[in-house]
Amino acid sequence: MEFSEQELVRRDKLKKIKELGIDPYPAELFPVSDYSSEIKNDFKVDRKVVIAGRLMSRRIQGNASFAELQDSKGKIQLYFNRDEICTGEDKTLYNELYKKLLDIGDIIGVEGSLFKTKVGEKTVLVKNFKLLSKSLRPLPLPKEDSDGKLYDEFNDPELRYRQRYVDLIVNSDVKETFIKRTLITNSIREFLNKREYLEVETPILQPIPGGATARPFLTHHNALNIPLYLRIANELYLKRLIVGGFDGVYEFAKDFRNEGMDRTHNPEFTILELYVSYKDYNWMMEMTEQLIEKVSIDSTGNTKVRVGNEEIDFKAPYERISIYAAIKKFTGIDISEMDESALRKTAKDLNVEIDNTMGKGKIIDSIFGDKCESNFIQPTFVTDYPKEMSPLTKVHRSDKNLTERFELIVNGKEIANAYSELNDPIDQKERFEKQLELSKKGDLEAGEFIDYDFLRALEYGMPPTSGIGIGIDRLVMLFTNNSSIQEVLFFPQMRPEKKKILMSESEKLVFENISDENQLLSEVRSKTQVSNKAWDKAIKSLRKSELIKVEKIENDIYISKIN
């Protein structure tokens, strides 16, 4: 492993610290009793404090020094004075350890008393300190010029997501996002627990992926010798519990879907699912309004929230519109009576991308998603979806071609999906079978399996039930004004990190002359003008590192970079 110059210097300091007989990573606890924010809020001169955190800056002036310490609550100024710390003849603790061997990023524990500087800065006068953890990598701290302008900020998204631990240290606003995330989930729990709904846990590894239309992740259980799937939804298990006699159950579930990644999708995500017996989707709409309004107030202090350039008001009630009415409103076309063939033509006329594997439901979904969804900025319930789009939903009480379903759309994105749950086992079996047919036609997201155990549960009788799924990640995005899901996940899924590959001069020369597109190998060879031996060695090394590919097409040999 190669180290930078600064990393080598820090490792040399680590060695010297050990030579002084100081353990740079002590095992015993440090008796923290105070935090930076509490000290500032309840400041009393001469009050003794014990605090710990990370050194973020130092200004050494001979026998005295000002420093900044960052803990979990914020930052506070420290004042180090050699004679306050080293009261005897031995000044090693200050002269050697503090001045020469500590670095920005080191974690220390401090005992001291409070005072104010001449300019009124609340400060800890250090009486004693202890090294708790030596930092071997320098922090990517921004630099500030004389005009207060910042340079070299740690703001590259890829680096921030890969090294979230660094992001949290140097970008204080990031921590606030995740604190607010906890406020949101706590607010939801409080709302549901008050109504005596039971928080439960259901299997993440499932023998059959069900409850949604999505591609699952597949694994294998060796002991049972069976395939298992990471769940795409927890719906069918929660409804089994309703059959079992619970009035209301909910779960903050980790779901997994083996599909594309973008600014609003991560293969692993968090969803709240709630099921309440003897209710319908109209009741659920009213409850959802109340819940979201409460979450807004608890997490932001207001029902009006700034999201990008929009101000969104989460105060209930919310607008309601049927999906057919929405499509007619934004396209001018009434599709309510169209068969699959007419829908395909309409989608084509509207330049909506569809394929031959899609059934009637997916075509309607594509038209709505492409032409309507983005127009709903204020919270809106889109209701009464066609039967083909909702295999787990009750048929509408006034139109057998529709279902009692709604989606909550906010700022052009689906936040929640809810049903009057289908509890007719015969109808449910037929719906599953139709999904199976779509799967055989090539729809990769349609259900490949029928959950016969769930059907058996329904046959014992499930009371009328309403259920809802709320995307927690997207909800947090709204209330923290973030447009990317990666900003509200501590550790979003990333592509594997590319390893730095050291090249010889001849390898660099050869690599620089190869493009992303296929080139004749002979032409590249003549451009490089290296010896035959150097060429052969370079090509062999670059292929081994999977940086280039060489292939024969018809009678010619081509070479290109691998992206």
Protein backbone atom coordinates (compact mmCIF):
# COMPACT_ATOMS: atom_id res chain seq x y z
CA MET A 1 0.00 0.00 0.00
CA GLU A 2 1.35 3.39 -1.00
CA PHE A 3 1.13 6.37 1.34
CA SER A 4 1.15 10.07 0.55
CA GLU A 5 3.82 12.31 2.02
CA GLN A 6 1.43 13.55 4.72
CA GLU A 7 0.38 9.99 5.60
CA LEU A 8 4.03 8.99 5.98
CA VAL A 9 4.65 11.99 8.27
CA ARG A 10 1.67 11.01 10.45
CA ARG A 11 2.88 7.43 10.71
CA ASP A 12 6.29 8.70 11.78
CA LYS A 13 4.56 10.82 14.47
CA LEU A 14 2.64 7.73 15.60
CA LYS A 15 5.95 5.93 16.10
CA LYS A 16 7.35 8.82 18.14
CA ILE A 17 4.20 8.95 20.30
CA LYS A 18 4.67 5.28 21.14
CA GLU A 19 8.37 5.92 21.91
CA LEU A 20 7.23 8.49 24.50
CA GLY A 21 5.32 5.69 26.23
CA ILE A 22 1.92 7.10 25.20
CA ASP A 23 -0.77 4.74 23.91
CA PRO A 24 -2.29 6.49 20.84
CA TYR A 25 -5.40 4.27 21.04
CA PRO A 26 -6.08 3.75 24.79
CA ALA A 27 -8.61 1.12 25.86
CA GLU A 28 -10.09 2.74 28.98
CA LEU A 29 -13.12 5.03 28.82
CA PHE A 30 -12.76 8.80 28.88
CA PRO A 31 -15.27 10.34 31.32
CA VAL A 32 -17.02 12.83 29.00
CA SER A 33 -19.47 14.94 30.98
CA ASP A 34 -19.99 17.98 28.76
CA TYR A 35 -20.70 18.84 25.12
CA SER A 36 -19.88 21.93 23.08
CA SER A 37 -23.47 23.13 22.57
CA GLU A 38 -24.40 22.60 26.22
CA ILE A 39 -21.30 24.50 27.36
CA LYS A 40 -22.23 27.47 25.15
CA ASN A 41 -25.90 27.45 26.14
CA ASP A 42 -25.22 27.17 29.87
CA PHE A 43 -21.91 29.03 30.08
CA LYS A 44 -20.47 29.82 33.49
CA VAL A 45 -16.97 31.24 33.94
CA ASP A 46 -14.61 28.92 35.88
CA ARG A 47 -16.99 25.94 35.57
CA LYS A 48 -15.01 22.71 35.25
CA VAL A 49 -15.74 20.61 32.13
CA VAL A 50 -14.64 17.30 30.62
CA ILE A 51 -15.05 17.20 26.86
CA ALA A 52 -13.80 15.07 23.94
CA GLY A 53 -13.74 15.42 20.19
CA ARG A 54 -11.70 15.98 17.07
CA LEU A 55 -9.08 18.73 16.61
CA MET A 56 -10.20 20.84 13.64
CA SER A 57 -7.74 23.74 13.77
CA ARG A 58 -4.73 25.02 15.72
CA ARG A 59 -2.92 28.34 16.08
CA ILE A 60 0.30 27.72 18.01
CA GLN A 61 2.07 30.77 19.44
CA GLY A 62 5.10 29.53 21.38
CA ASN A 63 4.01 28.40 24.81
CA ALA A 64 0.32 28.98 24.11
CA SER A 65 -2.13 27.87 21.46
CA PHE A 66 -5.74 28.27 20.43
CA ALA A 67 -7.48 25.25 18.90
CA GLU A 68 -10.95 24.22 17.79
CA LEU A 69 -12.52 21.01 19.00
CA GLN A 70 -15.50 19.39 17.24
CA ASP A 71 -17.75 16.94 19.06
CA SER A 72 -21.13 15.41 18.18
CA LYS A 73 -22.95 18.63 19.14
CA GLY A 74 -20.81 21.28 17.44
CA LYS A 75 -17.51 23.13 17.94
CA ILE A 76 -15.82 24.99 20.78
CA GLN A 77 -12.55 26.87 21.20
CA LEU A 78 -9.76 25.47 23.37
CA TYR A 79 -6.85 27.38 24.91
CA PHE A 80 -3.65 25.46 25.57
CA ASN A 81 -1.04 27.04 27.85
CA ARG A 82 2.16 25.12 28.53
CA ASP A 83 2.40 26.06 32.21
CA GLU A 84 -1.28 25.31 32.88
CA ILE A 85 -0.89 21.82 31.41
CA CYS A 86 2.64 21.04 32.60
CA THR A 87 2.80 22.43 36.15
CA GLY A 88 6.09 20.68 36.99
CA GLU A 89 9.50 20.64 35.34
CA ASP A 90 8.52 18.08 32.66
CA LYS A 91 7.01 19.99 29.69
CA THR A 92 6.88 16.97 27.34
CA LEU A 93 3.09 16.83 27.19
CA TYR A 94 2.91 20.29 25.64
CA ASN A 95 6.30 20.74 23.93
CA GLU A 96 6.44 17.32 22.31
CA LEU A 97 3.00 15.74 22.17
CA TYR A 98 0.82 18.79 21.60
CA LYS A 99 3.13 21.02 19.51
CA LYS A 100 4.94 18.44 17.40
CA LEU A 101 3.02 15.17 17.33
CA LEU A 102 -0.69 16.08 17.21
CA ASP A 103 -2.45 16.78 13.91
CA ILE A 104 -5.76 18.14 12.66
CA GLY A 105 -8.22 15.24 12.86
CA ASP A 106 -6.77 13.69 16.02
CA ILE A 107 -9.30 12.84 18.71
CA ILE A 108 -8.45 14.10 22.20
CA GLY A 109 -10.06 14.28 25.61
CA VAL A 110 -9.82 17.55 27.55
CA GLU A 111 -10.25 18.55 31.19
CA GLY A 112 -10.47 22.26 31.83
CA SER A 113 -12.39 25.30 33.02
CA LEU A 114 -14.40 27.93 31.16
CA PHE A 115 -13.46 31.52 30.42
CA LYS A 116 -14.08 34.20 27.83
CA THR A 117 -11.34 35.69 25.67
CA LYS A 118 -10.85 39.45 25.28
CA VAL A 119 -13.14 39.34 22.24
CA GLY A 120 -15.83 37.44 24.16
CA GLU A 121 -15.26 33.96 22.67
CA LYS A 122 -16.47 31.15 24.97
CA THR A 123 -13.39 29.02 25.54
CA VAL A 124 -12.14 26.00 27.49
CA LEU A 125 -8.86 26.60 29.36
CA VAL A 126 -7.14 23.22 29.06
CA LYS A 127 -5.80 21.87 32.38
CA ASN A 128 -5.05 18.41 31.04
CA PHE A 129 -5.56 16.51 27.80
CA LYS A 130 -5.23 12.95 26.53
CA LEU A 131 -4.75 11.56 23.03
CA LEU A 132 -7.63 9.16 22.36
CA SER A 133 -7.10 8.32 18.69
CA LYS A 134 -4.34 9.31 16.28
CA SER A 135 -5.60 10.17 12.80
CA LEU A 136 -3.38 8.72 10.07
CA ARG A 137 -5.10 10.43 7.13
CA PRO A 138 -5.42 14.22 6.76
CA LEU A 139 -8.97 15.57 6.60
CA PRO A 140 -9.98 17.31 3.33
CA LEU A 141 -10.72 20.61 5.06
CA PRO A 142 -11.60 23.67 2.94
CA LYS A 143 -9.23 26.61 2.82
CA GLU A 144 -10.37 30.19 3.34
CA ASP A 145 -8.72 33.25 1.76
CA SER A 146 -8.50 36.76 3.20
CA ASP A 147 -11.87 37.64 1.68
CA GLY A 148 -13.59 34.70 3.35
CA LYS A 149 -13.89 32.71 0.10
CA LEU A 150 -13.62 28.92 0.50
CA TYR A 151 -11.48 26.67 -1.68
CA ASP A 152 -10.93 22.89 -1.90
CA GLU A 153 -14.26 22.06 -0.30
CA PHE A 154 -15.13 18.39 0.08
CA ASN A 155 -18.13 18.53 -2.25
CA ASP A 156 -17.54 15.92 -4.95
CA PRO A 157 -20.68 13.73 -4.72
CA GLU A 158 -18.93 10.44 -5.49
CA LEU A 159 -16.25 11.02 -2.85
CA ARG A 160 -18.85 12.22 -0.33
CA TYR A 161 -21.05 9.12 -0.76
CA ARG A 162 -18.09 6.70 -0.71
CA GLN A 163 -16.56 8.32 2.34
CA ARG A 164 -19.66 9.42 4.25
CA TYR A 165 -17.64 9.34 7.48
CA VAL A 166 -15.47 12.16 6.12
CA ASP A 167 -18.51 13.99 4.71
CA LEU A 168 -20.10 14.02 8.18
CA ILE A 169 -16.93 15.40 9.77
CA VAL A 170 -16.25 18.27 7.39
CA ASN A 171 -19.78 19.18 6.18
CA SER A 172 -21.89 19.94 9.24
CA ASP A 173 -25.13 20.43 7.24
CA VAL A 174 -25.00 16.78 6.14
CA LYS A 175 -25.40 15.62 9.73
CA GLU A 176 -28.52 17.80 10.03
CA THR A 177 -30.12 15.91 7.14
CA PHE A 178 -29.82 12.61 8.98
CA ILE A 179 -30.92 14.07 12.30
CA LYS A 180 -34.06 15.29 10.51
CA ARG A 181 -34.53 11.80 9.04
CA THR A 182 -34.74 10.42 12.56
CA LEU A 183 -37.19 13.18 13.55
CA ILE A 184 -39.41 12.12 10.62
CA THR A 185 -39.42 8.40 11.50
CA ASN A 186 -39.96 9.20 15.20
CA SER A 187 -42.91 11.43 14.27
CA ILE A 188 -44.50 8.62 12.24
CA ARG A 189 -43.97 6.09 15.03
CA GLU A 190 -45.53 8.47 17.55
CA PHE A 191 -48.58 8.97 15.30
CA LEU A 192 -49.12 5.23 14.76
CA ASN A 193 -48.31 4.10 18.30
CA LYS A 194 -50.82 6.63 19.66
CA ARG A 195 -53.45 4.75 17.65
CA GLU A 196 -52.22 1.48 19.19
CA TYR A 197 -51.00 0.00 15.92
CA LEU A 198 -48.32 -2.64 16.46
CA GLU A 199 -44.82 -2.26 15.01
CA VAL A 200 -43.69 -5.67 13.72
CA GLU A 201 -40.90 -7.36 11.77
CA THR A 202 -41.41 -9.68 8.82
CA PRO A 203 -38.95 -11.83 6.80
CA ILE A 204 -36.40 -10.13 4.58
CA LEU A 205 -35.39 -13.45 3.00
CA GLN A 206 -38.48 -14.86 1.34
CA PRO A 207 -39.12 -18.07 -0.62
CA ILE A 208 -41.35 -16.15 -3.04
CA PRO A 209 -40.94 -12.45 -3.90
CA GLY A 210 -44.41 -10.93 -3.67
CA GLY A 211 -46.44 -7.87 -2.80
CA ALA A 212 -45.17 -5.67 -5.65
CA THR A 213 -44.09 -5.77 -9.29
CA ALA A 214 -40.29 -5.59 -9.42
CA ARG A 215 -37.22 -7.70 -10.20
CA PRO A 216 -35.85 -9.36 -7.06
CA PHE A 217 -32.35 -10.23 -5.89
CA LEU A 218 -31.82 -13.99 -5.74
CA THR A 219 -29.65 -15.93 -3.29
CA HIS A 220 -29.35 -19.55 -2.11
CA HIS A 221 -29.76 -21.09 1.33
CA ASN A 222 -27.25 -23.92 1.63
CA ALA A 223 -28.74 -25.77 4.60
CA LEU A 224 -32.27 -25.89 3.16
CA ASN A 225 -30.94 -26.16 -0.42
CA ILE A 226 -33.55 -23.72 -1.71
CA PRO A 227 -33.47 -20.38 -3.52
CA LEU A 228 -34.41 -17.34 -1.44
CA TYR A 229 -35.17 -13.79 -2.49
CA LEU A 230 -34.50 -10.46 -0.84
CA ARG A 231 -37.98 -9.06 -0.36
CA ILE A 232 -39.36 -6.55 -2.83
CA ALA A 233 -42.21 -5.80 -0.41
CA ASN A 234 -43.44 -6.90 3.00
CA GLU A 235 -47.15 -6.53 2.13
CA LEU A 236 -48.24 -10.17 2.02
CA TYR A 237 -46.73 -10.95 5.43
CA LEU A 238 -48.34 -7.96 7.10
CA LYS A 239 -51.71 -8.98 5.69
CA ARG A 240 -51.20 -12.48 7.13
CA LEU A 241 -51.01 -10.74 10.53
CA ILE A 242 -54.33 -8.97 9.84
CA VAL A 243 -55.80 -12.41 9.13
CA GLY A 244 -54.31 -13.48 12.47
CA GLY A 245 -56.40 -10.91 14.32
CA PHE A 246 -54.33 -7.74 14.74
CA ASP A 247 -56.31 -4.53 14.16
CA GLY A 248 -53.35 -2.55 12.83
CA VAL A 249 -49.73 -3.46 12.05
CA TYR A 250 -46.87 -1.49 10.56
CA GLU A 251 -43.21 -1.99 9.67
CA PHE A 252 -40.32 0.24 8.64
CA ALA A 253 -39.04 -2.21 6.07
CA LYS A 254 -35.86 -2.49 4.06
CA ASP A 255 -36.91 -3.60 0.58
CA PHE A 256 -34.66 -4.56 -2.32
CA ARG A 257 -35.32 -4.26 -6.04
CA ASN A 258 -32.89 -5.36 -8.72
CA GLU A 259 -33.49 -2.48 -11.09
CA GLY A 260 -31.96 0.76 -12.32
CA MET A 261 -30.38 3.45 -10.16
CA ASP A 262 -31.02 7.16 -10.52
CA ARG A 263 -31.62 10.27 -8.41
CA THR A 264 -34.79 8.78 -6.87
CA HIS A 265 -34.00 5.04 -6.90
CA ASN A 266 -31.58 2.94 -4.86
CA PRO A 267 -31.63 -0.88 -4.99
CA GLU A 268 -32.04 -0.90 -1.19
CA PHE A 269 -34.62 1.48 0.23
CA THR A 270 -36.84 2.07 3.27
CA ILE A 271 -40.61 1.98 3.18
CA LEU A 272 -43.28 2.24 5.85
CA GLU A 273 -46.13 -0.19 5.32
CA LEU A 274 -49.30 0.03 7.42
CA TYR A 275 -52.42 -2.18 7.37
CA VAL A 276 -55.57 -1.42 9.38
CA SER A 277 -58.60 -3.70 9.50
CA TYR A 278 -62.19 -2.55 8.89
CA LYS A 279 -61.02 0.53 6.95
CA ASP A 280 -61.07 1.57 3.28
CA TYR A 281 -58.99 3.81 1.02
CA ASN A 282 -61.13 6.88 1.76
CA TRP A 283 -60.33 6.54 5.45
CA MET A 284 -56.67 5.98 4.56
CA MET A 285 -56.55 9.22 2.55
CA GLU A 286 -57.77 11.19 5.55
CA MET A 287 -55.33 9.47 7.89
CA THR A 288 -52.43 10.03 5.46
CA GLU A 289 -53.17 13.77 5.31
CA GLN A 290 -53.09 13.98 9.09
CA LEU A 291 -49.86 11.96 9.27
CA ILE A 292 -47.95 13.95 6.64
CA GLU A 293 -49.10 17.26 8.14
CA LYS A 294 -47.81 16.15 11.56
CA VAL A 295 -44.49 15.00 10.10
CA SER A 296 -44.06 18.37 8.39
CA ILE A 297 -44.62 20.28 11.63
CA ASP A 298 -42.46 17.94 13.74
CA SER A 299 -39.51 18.01 11.32
CA THR A 300 -39.60 21.60 10.02
CA GLY A 301 -41.83 23.51 12.45
CA ASN A 302 -44.26 24.42 9.67
CA THR A 303 -46.68 22.94 7.14
CA LYS A 304 -45.12 25.03 4.36
CA VAL A 305 -41.82 23.66 3.13
CA ARG A 306 -39.43 25.02 0.48
CA VAL A 307 -38.53 22.29 -2.03
CA GLY A 308 -36.27 23.58 -4.82
CA ASN A 309 -38.07 26.58 -6.30
CA GLU A 310 -41.46 25.50 -4.98
CA GLU A 311 -43.21 26.13 -1.69
CA ILE A 312 -45.25 23.07 -0.81
CA ASP A 313 -48.06 23.24 1.73
CA PHE A 314 -48.64 19.98 3.60
CA LYS A 315 -51.67 21.22 5.50
CA ALA A 316 -54.67 18.90 5.02
CA PRO A 317 -56.86 18.35 3.07
CA TYR A 318 -55.18 17.46 -0.23
CA GLU A 319 -56.59 17.58 -3.77
CA ARG A 320 -58.09 14.35 -5.18
CA ILE A 321 -58.25 13.40 -8.85
CA SER A 322 -58.79 10.06 -10.65
CA ILE A 323 -56.00 8.73 -12.89
CA TYR A 324 -58.23 8.84 -15.97
CA ALA A 325 -59.21 12.47 -15.18
CA ALA A 326 -55.53 13.34 -14.71
CA ILE A 327 -54.58 11.86 -18.09
CA LYS A 328 -57.45 13.70 -19.77
CA LYS A 329 -56.48 16.94 -18.01
CA PHE A 330 -52.86 16.89 -19.22
CA THR A 331 -53.22 15.15 -22.62
CA GLY A 332 -56.76 16.07 -23.66
CA ILE A 333 -57.45 12.36 -24.34
CA ASP A 334 -60.05 10.20 -22.58
CA ILE A 335 -58.55 6.69 -22.35
CA SER A 336 -61.12 5.25 -19.93
CA GLU A 337 -62.87 3.10 -22.56
CA MET A 338 -59.82 2.11 -24.61
CA ASP A 339 -58.71 -1.49 -25.11
CA GLU A 340 -55.03 -2.49 -25.22
CA SER A 341 -54.68 -1.88 -28.96
CA ALA A 342 -56.10 1.67 -28.72
CA LEU A 343 -53.90 2.39 -25.70
CA ARG A 344 -50.80 1.32 -27.64
CA LYS A 345 -51.71 3.68 -30.48
CA THR A 346 -52.40 6.52 -28.04
CA ALA A 347 -49.05 5.98 -26.31
CA LYS A 348 -47.30 6.04 -29.68
CA ASP A 349 -49.14 9.25 -30.69
CA LEU A 350 -48.07 10.84 -27.37
CA ASN A 351 -44.44 9.68 -27.88
CA VAL A 352 -44.62 7.57 -24.72
CA GLU A 353 -42.07 4.77 -24.76
CA ILE A 354 -43.63 1.30 -24.41
CA ASP A 355 -42.73 -2.24 -25.50
CA ASN A 356 -44.49 -5.45 -26.52
CA THR A 357 -44.18 -7.04 -23.06
CA MET A 358 -46.42 -4.38 -21.50
CA GLY A 359 -50.02 -5.12 -20.73
CA LYS A 360 -52.88 -2.60 -20.48
CA GLY A 361 -51.96 -1.57 -16.93
CA LYS A 362 -48.32 -0.79 -17.67
CA ILE A 363 -49.24 1.23 -20.76
CA ILE A 364 -51.61 3.40 -18.71
CA ASP A 365 -48.92 3.72 -16.03
CA SER A 366 -46.40 4.84 -18.65
CA ILE A 367 -48.76 7.47 -20.08
CA PHE A 368 -49.51 8.82 -16.61
CA GLY A 369 -45.85 8.81 -15.58
CA ASP A 370 -44.68 10.52 -18.76
CA LYS A 371 -47.42 13.11 -19.22
CA CYS A 372 -49.02 13.77 -15.85
CA GLU A 373 -46.99 12.92 -12.75
CA SER A 374 -44.52 15.81 -12.92
CA ASN A 375 -47.39 18.35 -12.96
CA PHE A 376 -48.53 17.54 -9.43
CA ILE A 377 -46.44 19.79 -7.20
CA GLN A 378 -48.78 20.28 -4.23
CA PRO A 379 -49.82 17.08 -2.38
CA THR A 380 -52.41 15.31 -4.54
CA PHE A 381 -54.19 11.98 -4.23
CA VAL A 382 -54.45 10.31 -7.65
CA THR A 383 -57.24 7.75 -7.30
CA ASP A 384 -59.23 4.92 -8.89
CA TYR A 385 -56.65 3.03 -10.92
CA PRO A 386 -57.62 0.48 -13.59
CA LYS A 387 -57.89 -3.12 -12.40
CA GLU A 388 -54.96 -4.18 -14.59
CA MET A 389 -52.61 -1.86 -12.67
CA SER A 390 -53.53 -3.10 -9.21
CA PRO A 391 -53.43 -6.89 -8.68
CA LEU A 392 -53.79 -6.66 -4.87
CA THR A 393 -56.59 -4.09 -4.74
CA LYS A 394 -60.35 -4.35 -4.30
CA VAL A 395 -62.56 -3.67 -7.28
CA HIS A 396 -64.12 -0.21 -7.06
CA ARG A 397 -67.55 -0.22 -5.45
CA SER A 398 -69.07 1.81 -8.31
CA ASP A 399 -67.04 0.68 -11.37
CA LYS A 400 -65.89 -2.93 -11.79
CA ASN A 401 -63.12 -1.87 -14.21
CA LEU A 402 -61.42 0.26 -11.55
CA THR A 403 -59.87 -0.41 -8.15
CA GLU A 404 -59.97 1.44 -4.84
CA ARG A 405 -56.41 2.67 -4.91
CA PHE A 406 -54.65 6.00 -4.54
CA GLU A 407 -51.13 7.35 -4.88
CA LEU A 408 -49.95 10.46 -3.07
CA ILE A 409 -47.96 12.60 -5.49
CA VAL A 410 -45.84 15.50 -4.19
CA ASN A 411 -43.43 17.61 -6.24
CA GLY A 412 -43.94 15.32 -9.22
CA LYS A 413 -42.99 12.11 -7.37
CA GLU A 414 -44.97 9.27 -5.85
CA ILE A 415 -44.63 9.36 -2.07
CA ALA A 416 -47.27 6.81 -1.04
CA ASN A 417 -49.38 4.03 -2.54
CA ALA A 418 -52.53 2.74 -0.82
CA TYR A 419 -55.45 0.35 -1.38
CA SER A 420 -58.66 -0.98 -0.12
CA GLU A 421 -57.02 -4.39 0.12
CA LEU A 422 -58.35 -7.29 -1.90
CA ASN A 423 -59.62 -9.96 0.50
CA ASP A 424 -61.48 -12.20 -1.96
CA PRO A 425 -59.22 -15.30 -2.29
CA ILE A 426 -60.78 -16.42 -5.60
CA ASP A 427 -60.40 -13.00 -7.22
CA GLN A 428 -56.86 -12.72 -5.80
CA LYS A 429 -55.86 -16.07 -7.34
CA GLU A 430 -57.17 -14.93 -10.74
CA ARG A 431 -55.20 -11.68 -10.49
CA PHE A 432 -52.01 -13.57 -9.62
CA GLU A 433 -52.53 -15.82 -12.63
CA LYS A 434 -52.86 -12.82 -14.95
CA GLN A 435 -49.57 -11.44 -13.55
CA LEU A 436 -48.01 -14.81 -14.30
CA GLU A 437 -49.16 -14.56 -17.90
CA LEU A 438 -47.50 -11.14 -18.25
CA SER A 439 -44.30 -12.60 -16.81
CA LYS A 440 -44.32 -15.34 -19.43
CA LYS A 441 -44.78 -12.68 -22.12
CA GLY A 442 -41.47 -11.15 -21.02
CA ASP A 443 -42.47 -8.55 -18.41
CA LEU A 444 -39.49 -8.80 -16.05
CA GLU A 445 -41.30 -6.95 -13.25
CA ALA A 446 -44.50 -8.99 -13.26
CA GLY A 447 -44.85 -11.69 -10.63
CA GLU A 448 -43.18 -14.96 -11.58
CA PHE A 449 -44.74 -16.88 -8.70
CA ILE A 450 -48.06 -17.31 -6.98
CA ASP A 451 -47.93 -17.17 -3.20
CA TYR A 452 -50.27 -20.07 -2.41
CA ASP A 453 -49.71 -19.72 1.32
CA PHE A 454 -51.00 -16.16 1.17
CA LEU A 455 -54.04 -17.37 -0.77
CA ARG A 456 -54.56 -20.00 1.94
CA ALA A 457 -54.45 -17.25 4.56
CA LEU A 458 -57.12 -15.30 2.66
CA GLU A 459 -59.29 -18.41 2.52
CA TYR A 460 -59.45 -18.34 6.32
CA GLY A 461 -60.90 -14.83 5.95
CA MET A 462 -59.25 -11.40 6.08
CA PRO A 463 -61.42 -8.54 7.33
CA PRO A 464 -61.93 -5.48 5.11
CA THR A 465 -58.57 -3.75 5.30
CA SER A 466 -56.84 -0.65 4.02
CA GLY A 467 -53.08 -0.61 3.54
CA ILE A 468 -50.48 1.98 2.56
CA GLY A 469 -46.80 2.08 1.68
CA ILE A 470 -44.91 5.36 2.21
CA GLY A 471 -41.43 5.80 0.73
CA ILE A 472 -39.37 7.06 3.66
CA ASP A 473 -36.35 8.05 1.56
CA ARG A 474 -38.46 10.20 -0.76
CA LEU A 475 -40.30 11.71 2.20
CA VAL A 476 -36.99 12.70 3.76
CA MET A 477 -35.87 14.17 0.43
CA LEU A 478 -38.90 16.47 0.52
CA PHE A 479 -38.46 17.67 4.09
CA THR A 480 -34.69 18.21 3.72
CA ASN A 481 -34.93 19.85 0.27
CA ASN A 482 -32.71 17.26 -1.40
CA SER A 483 -33.23 16.25 -5.03
CA SER A 484 -31.07 13.11 -4.86
CA ILE A 485 -31.84 9.98 -2.85
CA GLN A 486 -28.11 9.49 -2.25
CA GLU A 487 -28.15 12.61 -0.05
CA VAL A 488 -30.57 11.03 2.45
CA LEU A 489 -28.94 7.59 2.64
CA PHE A 490 -25.90 7.22 4.85
CA PHE A 491 -24.32 4.70 2.50
CA PRO A 492 -25.94 4.67 -0.99
CA GLN A 493 -25.05 1.86 -3.35
CA MET A 494 -22.04 2.74 -5.53
CA ARG A 495 -20.12 1.23 -8.40
CA PRO A 496 -16.94 -0.55 -7.29
CA GLU A 497 -14.14 1.91 -6.64
CA LYS A 498 -11.58 1.91 -9.41
CA LYS A 499 -8.13 0.98 -8.18
CA LYS A 500 -5.24 3.24 -9.05
CA ILE A 501 -3.00 1.39 -11.48
CA LEU A 502 0.66 2.27 -11.73
CA MET A 503 1.97 2.26 -15.30
CA SER A 504 5.46 2.27 -16.72
CA GLU A 505 6.36 5.02 -19.18
CA SER A 506 5.88 2.71 -22.18
CA GLU A 507 2.50 1.51 -20.79
CA LYS A 508 1.37 5.14 -20.40
CA LEU A 509 2.47 5.91 -23.97
CA VAL A 510 0.59 2.92 -25.38
CA PHE A 511 -2.53 3.58 -23.29
CA GLU A 512 -2.68 7.25 -24.31
CA ASN A 513 -2.76 6.27 -27.98
CA ILE A 514 -5.72 3.90 -27.56
CA SER A 515 -9.23 5.34 -27.87
CA ASP A 516 -12.62 4.15 -26.57
CA GLU A 517 -13.59 3.09 -30.08
CA ASN A 518 -12.13 0.16 -31.97
CA GLN A 519 -8.88 0.99 -33.79
CA LEU A 520 -6.69 -1.20 -35.93
CA LEU A 521 -3.96 -2.57 -33.67
CA SER A 522 -1.33 -2.04 -36.37
CA GLU A 523 -2.17 1.69 -36.59
CA VAL A 524 -1.88 2.17 -32.81
CA ARG A 525 1.38 0.19 -32.83
CA SER A 526 2.93 2.49 -35.43
CA LYS A 527 1.83 5.62 -33.51
CA THR A 528 3.55 4.63 -30.28
CA GLN A 529 6.99 3.98 -31.81
CA VAL A 530 8.11 1.82 -28.88
CA SER A 531 10.27 -1.28 -29.23
CA ASN A 532 8.66 -4.64 -29.93
CA LYS A 533 9.62 -5.88 -26.47
CA ALA A 534 8.18 -2.77 -24.74
CA TRP A 535 5.00 -2.99 -26.86
CA ASP A 536 4.39 -6.66 -26.04
CA LYS A 537 5.03 -6.07 -22.33
CA ALA A 538 2.73 -3.01 -22.25
CA ILE A 539 -0.14 -4.76 -24.06
CA LYS A 540 0.14 -7.79 -21.77
CA SER A 541 0.10 -5.60 -18.63
CA LEU A 542 -2.80 -3.38 -19.82
CA ARG A 543 -4.92 -6.44 -20.71
CA LYS A 544 -4.18 -8.04 -17.35
CA SER A 545 -5.34 -4.82 -15.61
CA GLU A 546 -8.54 -4.94 -17.74
CA LEU A 547 -7.85 -1.50 -19.17
CA ILE A 548 -7.93 -2.53 -22.83
CA LYS A 549 -9.36 -5.25 -25.02
CA VAL A 550 -7.92 -6.81 -28.17
CA GLU A 551 -10.27 -8.67 -30.51
CA LYS A 552 -10.22 -10.15 -34.00
CA ILE A 553 -13.04 -8.97 -36.28
CA GLU A 554 -13.09 -10.84 -39.58
CA ASN A 555 -9.45 -10.68 -40.73
CA ASP A 556 -8.30 -7.64 -38.73
CA ILE A 557 -7.21 -7.19 -35.11
CA TYR A 558 -8.68 -4.24 -33.23
CA ILE A 559 -7.82 -2.61 -29.93
CA SER A 560 -9.84 -0.29 -27.64
CA LYS A 561 -10.09 0.94 -24.05
CA ILE A 562 -12.50 -0.74 -21.61
CA ASN A 563 -14.79 1.82 -19.97
